Amino acid sequence: MTEHFNQIKELYGSDSMLSHLWVAILSIIGHIASDMHRIRTGKKDFSFFVFLSGLVTACFVGVLAFYTCLHFDIDRDLMAVIIGMSAYSGPEGINILLRVIAGRYKINLNLEEKK
């Protein structure tokens, strides 16, 4: 039981909190870059609500990518790229992470969207 508490303490210690802040900042930058690209190419009009909901999704995807990278022991430089690109991808980034994990553990996933 003490080991479990030590893991929690390590996860949310001061250094780790800075890591989570770093993940959030990378995710926000990834989402802003994605929105700017979509607006500039005419694929999307700006909406403040859509922008905020996209930020939440990007941060969620960034955190998932962060923990996936930690699990696979990926170095920080590549981790930053994966987090930023996952956040840029938004909801599609979740499917990408699912495919990576499913491939690693030989799990068959059906990720096709139903119409």
Protein backbone atom coordinates (compact mmCIF):
# COMPACT_ATOMS: atom_id res chain seq x y z
CA MET A 1 0.00 0.00 0.00
CA THR A 2 2.89 2.36 0.74
CA GLU A 3 4.21 1.77 -2.77
CA HIS A 4 0.87 2.92 -4.19
CA PHE A 5 1.02 6.16 -2.18
CA ASN A 6 4.62 6.73 -3.30
CA GLN A 7 3.55 6.37 -6.92
CA ILE A 8 0.76 8.92 -6.42
CA LYS A 9 3.16 11.29 -4.67
CA GLU A 10 5.66 10.93 -7.52
CA LEU A 11 2.95 11.45 -10.14
CA TYR A 12 1.72 14.69 -8.60
CA GLY A 13 4.96 16.01 -7.09
CA SER A 14 6.26 19.46 -8.01
CA ASP A 15 8.35 18.20 -10.95
CA SER A 16 5.45 16.17 -12.25
CA MET A 17 3.06 19.11 -11.98
CA LEU A 18 5.45 21.07 -14.20
CA SER A 19 5.33 18.18 -16.65
CA HIS A 20 1.53 18.32 -16.70
CA LEU A 21 1.67 22.09 -17.25
CA TRP A 22 4.12 21.48 -20.11
CA VAL A 23 1.68 18.96 -21.61
CA ALA A 24 -1.21 21.44 -21.32
CA ILE A 25 0.80 24.23 -23.00
CA LEU A 26 1.88 21.95 -25.87
CA SER A 27 -1.71 20.80 -26.29
CA ILE A 28 -3.04 24.35 -26.38
CA ILE A 29 -0.43 25.38 -28.95
CA GLY A 30 -1.30 22.30 -31.05
CA HIS A 31 -5.01 23.18 -30.96
CA ILE A 32 -4.41 26.84 -31.82
CA ALA A 33 -2.23 25.83 -34.78
CA SER A 34 -4.91 23.40 -35.96
CA ASP A 35 -7.70 26.01 -35.68
CA MET A 36 -5.60 28.66 -37.43
CA HIS A 37 -4.91 26.26 -40.30
CA ARG A 38 -8.58 25.29 -40.68
CA ILE A 39 -9.74 28.93 -40.57
CA ARG A 40 -7.06 30.06 -43.00
CA THR A 41 -7.92 27.31 -45.51
CA GLY A 42 -11.64 28.07 -45.25
CA LYS A 43 -12.60 24.70 -43.77
CA LYS A 44 -14.04 26.30 -40.65
CA ASP A 45 -15.39 29.62 -39.35
CA PHE A 46 -14.29 30.88 -35.95
CA SER A 47 -16.62 30.14 -33.05
CA PHE A 48 -15.55 30.86 -29.48
CA PHE A 49 -17.51 27.90 -28.06
CA VAL A 50 -16.06 25.50 -30.63
CA PHE A 51 -12.60 26.90 -29.87
CA LEU A 52 -13.02 26.30 -26.11
CA SER A 53 -14.41 22.80 -26.57
CA GLY A 54 -11.50 22.07 -28.89
CA LEU A 55 -9.07 23.23 -26.19
CA VAL A 56 -10.59 20.78 -23.72
CA THR A 57 -10.36 17.97 -26.25
CA ALA A 58 -6.77 18.90 -27.16
CA CYS A 59 -5.69 18.92 -23.52
CA PHE A 60 -7.38 15.55 -22.95
CA VAL A 61 -5.64 14.06 -26.00
CA GLY A 62 -2.35 15.63 -24.89
CA VAL A 63 -2.59 14.03 -21.46
CA LEU A 64 -3.46 10.65 -23.00
CA ALA A 65 -0.46 10.96 -25.34
CA PHE A 66 1.74 11.94 -22.38
CA TYR A 67 0.82 8.84 -20.39
CA THR A 68 1.15 6.64 -23.49
CA CYS A 69 4.65 8.01 -24.06
CA LEU A 70 5.55 7.43 -20.41
CA HIS A 71 4.33 3.86 -20.66
CA PHE A 72 6.44 3.19 -23.76
CA ASP A 73 9.44 5.01 -22.23
CA ILE A 74 9.71 7.56 -25.06
CA ASP A 75 12.27 10.35 -24.60
CA ARG A 76 11.13 13.92 -23.95
CA ASP A 77 11.92 15.33 -27.40
CA LEU A 78 9.84 12.76 -29.25
CA MET A 79 7.22 12.98 -26.50
CA ALA A 80 6.78 16.70 -27.22
CA VAL A 81 6.26 15.97 -30.92
CA ILE A 82 3.71 13.24 -30.21
CA ILE A 83 1.79 15.40 -27.71
CA GLY A 84 1.70 18.41 -30.04
CA MET A 85 0.63 16.37 -33.06
CA SER A 86 -2.00 14.50 -31.04
CA ALA A 87 -3.45 17.79 -29.81
CA TYR A 88 -3.32 19.20 -33.37
CA SER A 89 -5.31 16.17 -34.53
CA GLY A 90 -7.97 16.68 -31.86
CA PRO A 91 -10.52 13.85 -31.60
CA GLU A 92 -8.75 11.97 -34.40
CA GLY A 93 -5.70 11.92 -32.10
CA ILE A 94 -7.60 9.67 -29.69
CA ASN A 95 -8.17 7.12 -32.48
CA ILE A 96 -4.49 7.30 -33.41
CA LEU A 97 -3.47 6.59 -29.81
CA LEU A 98 -5.96 3.73 -29.63
CA ARG A 99 -4.44 2.18 -32.76
CA VAL A 100 -0.92 2.47 -31.33
CA ILE A 101 -1.93 0.82 -28.06
CA ALA A 102 -4.03 -1.83 -29.83
CA GLY A 103 -1.12 -2.66 -32.14
CA ARG A 104 1.29 -2.95 -29.24
CA TYR A 105 -0.95 -5.28 -27.25
CA LYS A 106 -2.45 -7.12 -30.27
CA ILE A 107 -6.00 -5.96 -29.56
CA ASN A 108 -8.57 -5.89 -32.35
CA LEU A 109 -10.46 -2.57 -32.30
CA ASN A 110 -13.33 -1.52 -34.52
CA LEU A 111 -12.87 2.25 -34.82
CA GLU A 112 -15.05 2.80 -37.87
CA GLU A 113 -17.66 5.48 -37.38
CA LYS A 114 -21.28 4.36 -37.76
CA LYS A 115 -23.34 6.33 -40.25
